[in-house]
Amino acid sequence: MKLYKLGLLALTLSLVATVIILDKKRNAECDFDCADDSDENVQEESSNNIVVEEATI
C-alpha cells in the first residue's frame, strides 16, 4: 500500500512539473509574438478598431 501511495505521489508530481513546463513554454511563445509586432502594425490595427461610447445625459 505504501508503494502505491508513493507511485501516486510521483505521478502527481510529474504531471504538475509537465504542466508548469508547458505553461512556461506557452508564455515564452506569447512574449515572442507580442515583441514581434512593429509600431506600424500596431498603428494599422488600432486604426481599424471601432470605439463605441455611451452617451452621457
PDB file of N, CA and C in Angstrom:
ATOM      1  N   MET A   1       0.826  -1.191   0.000  1.00  0.00           N
ATOM      2  CA  MET A   1       0.000   0.000   0.000  1.00  0.00           C
ATOM      3  C   MET A   1       0.868   1.252   0.000  1.00  0.00           C
ATOM      4  N   LYS A   2       2.012   1.184   0.705  1.00  0.00           N
ATOM      5  CA  LYS A   2       2.898   2.328   0.777  1.00  0.00           C
ATOM      6  C   LYS A   2       3.505   2.624  -0.595  1.00  0.00           C
ATOM      7  N   LEU A   3       3.854   1.579  -1.341  1.00  0.00           N
ATOM      8  CA  LEU A   3       4.404   1.769  -2.685  1.00  0.00           C
ATOM      9  C   LEU A   3       3.359   2.361  -3.619  1.00  0.00           C
ATOM     10  N   TYR A   4       2.118   1.974  -3.431  1.00  0.00           N
ATOM     11  CA  TYR A   4       1.013   2.507  -4.239  1.00  0.00           C
ATOM     12  C   TYR A   4       0.890   4.016  -4.027  1.00  0.00           C
ATOM     13  N   LYS A   5       0.949   4.466  -2.769  1.00  0.00           N
ATOM     14  CA  LYS A   5       0.845   5.884  -2.459  1.00  0.00           C
ATOM     15  C   LYS A   5       2.065   6.644  -2.991  1.00  0.00           C
ATOM     16  N   LEU A   6       3.241   6.028  -2.877  1.00  0.00           N
ATOM     17  CA  LEU A   6       4.442   6.661  -3.411  1.00  0.00           C
ATOM     18  C   LEU A   6       4.355   6.793  -4.928  1.00  0.00           C
ATOM     19  N   GLY A   7       3.809   5.808  -5.582  1.00  0.00           N
ATOM     20  CA  GLY A   7       3.637   5.856  -7.026  1.00  0.00           C
ATOM     21  C   GLY A   7       2.666   6.947  -7.434  1.00  0.00           C
ATOM     22  N   LEU A   8       1.556   7.077  -6.708  1.00  0.00           N
ATOM     23  CA  LEU A   8       0.601   8.142  -6.996  1.00  0.00           C
ATOM     24  C   LEU A   8       1.210   9.519  -6.766  1.00  0.00           C
ATOM     25  N   LEU A   9       2.008   9.651  -5.721  1.00  0.00           N
ATOM     26  CA  LEU A   9       2.675  10.910  -5.441  1.00  0.00           C
ATOM     27  C   LEU A   9       3.665  11.264  -6.552  1.00  0.00           C
ATOM     28  N   ALA A  10       4.426  10.284  -7.003  1.00  0.00           N
ATOM     29  CA  ALA A  10       5.387  10.514  -8.081  1.00  0.00           C
ATOM     30  C   ALA A  10       4.665  10.889  -9.374  1.00  0.00           C
ATOM     31  N   LEU A  11       3.570  10.232  -9.658  1.00  0.00           N
ATOM     32  CA  LEU A  11       2.789  10.549 -10.855  1.00  0.00           C
ATOM     33  C   LEU A  11       2.224  11.963 -10.779  1.00  0.00           C
ATOM     34  N   THR A  12       1.706  12.328  -9.629  1.00  0.00           N
ATOM     35  CA  THR A  12       1.148  13.669  -9.444  1.00  0.00           C
ATOM     36  C   THR A  12       2.227  14.733  -9.621  1.00  0.00           C
ATOM     37  N   LEU A  13       3.387  14.516  -9.022  1.00  0.00           N
ATOM     38  CA  LEU A  13       4.463  15.487  -9.131  1.00  0.00           C
ATOM     39  C   LEU A  13       4.956  15.615 -10.566  1.00  0.00           C
ATOM     40  N   SER A  14       5.018  14.510 -11.283  1.00  0.00           N
ATOM     41  CA  SER A  14       5.477  14.586 -12.670  1.00  0.00           C
ATOM     42  C   SER A  14       4.452  15.304 -13.543  1.00  0.00           C
ATOM     43  N   LEU A  15       3.171  15.102 -13.290  1.00  0.00           N
ATOM     44  CA  LEU A  15       2.143  15.813 -14.047  1.00  0.00           C
ATOM     45  C   LEU A  15       2.177  17.313 -13.759  1.00  0.00           C
ATOM     46  N   VAL A  16       2.378  17.677 -12.504  1.00  0.00           N
ATOM     47  CA  VAL A  16       2.470  19.090 -12.141  1.00  0.00           C
ATOM     48  C   VAL A  16       3.685  19.720 -12.809  1.00  0.00           C
ATOM     49  N   ALA A  17       4.810  19.025 -12.809  1.00  0.00           N
ATOM     50  CA  ALA A  17       6.014  19.537 -13.459  1.00  0.00           C
ATOM     51  C   ALA A  17       5.790  19.713 -14.954  1.00  0.00           C
ATOM     52  N   THR A  18       5.094  18.770 -15.581  1.00  0.00           N
ATOM     53  CA  THR A  18       4.806  18.870 -17.014  1.00  0.00           C
ATOM     54  C   THR A  18       3.938  20.072 -17.315  1.00  0.00           C
ATOM     55  N   VAL A  19       2.929  20.308 -16.502  1.00  0.00           N
ATOM     56  CA  VAL A  19       2.047  21.462 -16.708  1.00  0.00           C
ATOM     57  C   VAL A  19       2.823  22.761 -16.547  1.00  0.00           C
ATOM     58  N   ILE A  20       3.693  22.836 -15.568  1.00  0.00           N
ATOM     59  CA  ILE A  20       4.482  24.052 -15.345  1.00  0.00           C
ATOM     60  C   ILE A  20       5.412  24.311 -16.532  1.00  0.00           C
ATOM     61  N   ILE A  21       6.060  23.265 -17.031  1.00  0.00           N
ATOM     62  CA  ILE A  21       6.973  23.410 -18.169  1.00  0.00           C
ATOM     63  C   ILE A  21       6.212  23.859 -19.409  1.00  0.00           C
ATOM     64  N   LEU A  22       5.057  23.244 -19.675  1.00  0.00           N
ATOM     65  CA  LEU A  22       4.277  23.621 -20.850  1.00  0.00           C
ATOM     66  C   LEU A  22       3.753  25.048 -20.729  1.00  0.00           C
ATOM     67  N   ASP A  23       3.381  25.461 -19.522  1.00  0.00           N
ATOM     68  CA  ASP A  23       2.901  26.817 -19.309  1.00  0.00           C
ATOM     69  C   ASP A  23       4.010  27.830 -19.565  1.00  0.00           C
ATOM     70  N   LYS A  24       5.225  27.524 -19.115  1.00  0.00           N
ATOM     71  CA  LYS A  24       6.351  28.426 -19.349  1.00  0.00           C
ATOM     72  C   LYS A  24       6.670  28.515 -20.833  1.00  0.00           C
ATOM     73  N   LYS A  25       6.574  27.395 -21.551  1.00  0.00           N
ATOM     74  CA  LYS A  25       6.823  27.421 -22.989  1.00  0.00           C
ATOM     75  C   LYS A  25       5.779  28.266 -23.697  1.00  0.00           C
ATOM     76  N   ARG A  26       4.532  28.140 -23.296  1.00  0.00           N
ATOM     77  CA  ARG A  26       3.454  28.898 -23.918  1.00  0.00           C
ATOM     78  C   ARG A  26       3.635  30.388 -23.654  1.00  0.00           C
ATOM     79  N   ASN A  27       4.019  30.760 -22.438  1.00  0.00           N
ATOM     80  CA  ASN A  27       4.249  32.162 -22.111  1.00  0.00           C
ATOM     81  C   ASN A  27       5.429  32.715 -22.892  1.00  0.00           C
ATOM     82  N   ALA A  28       6.459  31.913 -23.086  1.00  0.00           N
ATOM     83  CA  ALA A  28       7.623  32.352 -23.854  1.00  0.00           C
ATOM     84  C   ALA A  28       7.225  32.601 -25.302  1.00  0.00           C
ATOM     85  N   GLU A  29       6.381  31.755 -25.862  1.00  0.00           N
ATOM     86  CA  GLU A  29       5.931  31.944 -27.238  1.00  0.00           C
ATOM     87  C   GLU A  29       5.086  33.200 -27.349  1.00  0.00           C
ATOM     88  N   CYS A  30       4.254  33.472 -26.383  1.00  0.00           N
ATOM     89  CA  CYS A  30       3.415  34.670 -26.406  1.00  0.00           C
ATOM     90  C   CYS A  30       4.281  35.914 -26.305  1.00  0.00           C
ATOM     91  N   ASP A  31       5.286  35.910 -25.437  1.00  0.00           N
ATOM     92  CA  ASP A  31       6.174  37.051 -25.307  1.00  0.00           C
ATOM     93  C   ASP A  31       6.899  37.313 -26.615  1.00  0.00           C
ATOM     94  N   PHE A  32       7.296  36.253 -27.293  1.00  0.00           N
ATOM     95  CA  PHE A  32       7.989  36.401 -28.571  1.00  0.00           C
ATOM     96  C   PHE A  32       7.055  36.998 -29.613  1.00  0.00           C
ATOM     97  N   ASP A  33       5.829  36.497 -29.672  1.00  0.00           N
ATOM     98  CA  ASP A  33       4.870  37.006 -30.645  1.00  0.00           C
ATOM     99  C   ASP A  33       4.512  38.457 -30.359  1.00  0.00           C
ATOM    100  N   CYS A  34       4.348  38.807 -29.100  1.00  0.00           N
ATOM    101  CA  CYS A  34       3.987  40.172 -28.748  1.00  0.00           C
ATOM    102  C   CYS A  34       5.141  41.128 -29.046  1.00  0.00           C
ATOM    103  N   ALA A  35       6.382  40.690 -28.841  1.00  0.00           N
ATOM    104  CA  ALA A  35       7.542  41.537 -29.095  1.00  0.00           C
ATOM    105  C   ALA A  35       7.797  41.671 -30.588  1.00  0.00           C
ATOM    106  N   ASP A  36       7.258  40.776 -31.391  1.00  0.00           N
ATOM    107  CA  ASP A  36       7.493  40.770 -32.829  1.00  0.00           C
ATOM    108  C   ASP A  36       6.715  41.870 -33.538  1.00  0.00           C
ATOM    109  N   ASP A  37       5.666  42.405 -32.927  1.00  0.00           N
ATOM    110  CA  ASP A  37       4.848  43.428 -33.564  1.00  0.00           C
ATOM    111  C   ASP A  37       5.638  44.728 -33.671  1.00  0.00           C
ATOM    112  N   SER A  38       5.661  45.305 -34.857  1.00  0.00           N
ATOM    113  CA  SER A  38       6.316  46.601 -35.028  1.00  0.00           C
ATOM    114  C   SER A  38       5.291  47.702 -34.798  1.00  0.00           C
ATOM    115  N   ASP A  39       5.761  48.940 -34.675  1.00  0.00           N
ATOM    116  CA  ASP A  39       4.862  50.061 -34.413  1.00  0.00           C
ATOM    117  C   ASP A  39       3.887  50.274 -35.563  1.00  0.00           C
ATOM    118  N   GLU A  40       4.333  50.051 -36.792  1.00  0.00           N
ATOM    119  CA  GLU A  40       3.454  50.233 -37.940  1.00  0.00           C
ATOM    120  C   GLU A  40       2.274  49.271 -37.894  1.00  0.00           C
ATOM    121  N   ASN A  41       2.545  48.018 -37.534  1.00  0.00           N
ATOM    122  CA  ASN A  41       1.467  47.033 -37.456  1.00  0.00           C
ATOM    123  C   ASN A  41       0.485  47.386 -36.357  1.00  0.00           C
ATOM    124  N   VAL A  42       0.986  47.855 -35.243  1.00  0.00           N
ATOM    125  CA  VAL A  42       0.118  48.194 -34.120  1.00  0.00           C
ATOM    126  C   VAL A  42      -0.753  49.384 -34.488  1.00  0.00           C
ATOM    127  N   GLN A  43      -0.173  50.402 -35.144  1.00  0.00           N
ATOM    128  CA  GLN A  43      -0.955  51.567 -35.529  1.00  0.00           C
ATOM    129  C   GLN A  43      -2.007  51.194 -36.558  1.00  0.00           C
ATOM    130  N   GLU A  44      -1.643  50.321 -37.489  1.00  0.00           N
ATOM    131  CA  GLU A  44      -2.598  49.904 -38.522  1.00  0.00           C
ATOM    132  C   GLU A  44      -3.761  49.153 -37.907  1.00  0.00           C
ATOM    133  N   GLU A  45      -3.474  48.260 -36.955  1.00  0.00           N
ATOM    134  CA  GLU A  45      -4.537  47.500 -36.309  1.00  0.00           C
ATOM    135  C   GLU A  45      -5.401  48.411 -35.453  1.00  0.00           C
ATOM    136  N   SER A  46      -4.795  49.378 -34.762  1.00  0.00           N
ATOM    137  CA  SER A  46      -5.579  50.240 -33.884  1.00  0.00           C
ATOM    138  C   SER A  46      -6.455  51.197 -34.684  1.00  0.00           C
ATOM    139  N   SER A  47      -6.080  51.504 -35.920  1.00  0.00           N
ATOM    140  CA  SER A  47      -6.910  52.384 -36.719  1.00  0.00           C
ATOM    141  C   SER A  47      -8.172  51.669 -37.200  1.00  0.00           C
ATOM    142  N   ASN A  48      -8.166  50.346 -37.188  1.00  0.00           N
ATOM    143  CA  ASN A  48      -9.330  49.573 -37.607  1.00  0.00           C
ATOM    144  C   ASN A  48     -10.300  49.305 -36.462  1.00  0.00           C
ATOM    145  N   ASN A  49      -9.927  49.665 -35.244  1.00  0.00           N
ATOM    146  CA  ASN A  49     -10.784  49.416 -34.091  1.00  0.00           C
ATOM    147  C   ASN A  49     -11.957  50.387 -34.086  1.00  0.00           C
ATOM    148  N   ILE A  50     -13.098  49.910 -33.663  1.00  0.00           N
ATOM    149  CA  ILE A  50     -14.292  50.736 -33.554  1.00  0.00           C
ATOM    150  C   ILE A  50     -14.547  50.978 -32.071  1.00  0.00           C
ATOM    151  N   VAL A  51     -14.605  52.238 -31.700  1.00  0.00           N
ATOM    152  CA  VAL A  51     -14.833  52.590 -30.321  1.00  0.00           C
ATOM    153  C   VAL A  51     -16.264  53.080 -30.187  1.00  0.00           C
ATOM    154  N   VAL A  52     -17.004  52.463 -29.273  1.00  0.00           N
ATOM    155  CA  VAL A  52     -18.392  52.847 -29.037  1.00  0.00           C
ATOM    156  C   VAL A  52     -18.470  53.423 -27.635  1.00  0.00           C
ATOM    157  N   GLU A  53     -18.917  54.667 -27.551  1.00  0.00           N
ATOM    158  CA  GLU A  53     -19.044  55.326 -26.252  1.00  0.00           C
ATOM    159  C   GLU A  53     -20.516  55.525 -25.934  1.00  0.00           C
ATOM    160  N   GLU A  54     -20.839  55.366 -24.677  1.00  0.00           N
ATOM    161  CA  GLU A  54     -22.208  55.602 -24.257  1.00  0.00           C
ATOM    162  C   GLU A  54     -22.461  57.091 -24.118  1.00  0.00           C
ATOM    163  N   ALA A  55     -23.630  57.521 -24.489  1.00  0.00           N
ATOM    164  CA  ALA A  55     -23.986  58.933 -24.349  1.00  0.00           C
ATOM    165  C   ALA A  55     -24.277  59.229 -22.879  1.00  0.00           C
ATOM    166  N   THR A  56     -23.718  60.303 -22.396  1.00  0.00           N
ATOM    167  CA  THR A  56     -23.996  60.697 -21.020  1.00  0.00           C
ATOM    168  C   THR A  56     -25.067  61.777 -21.019  1.00  0.00           C
ATOM    169  N   ILE A  57     -25.991  61.649 -20.109  1.00  0.00           N
ATOM    170  CA  ILE A  57     -27.113  62.605 -20.066  1.00  0.00           C
ATOM    171  C   ILE A  57     -26.943  63.509 -18.880  1.00  0.00           C
TER     172      ILE A  57
END
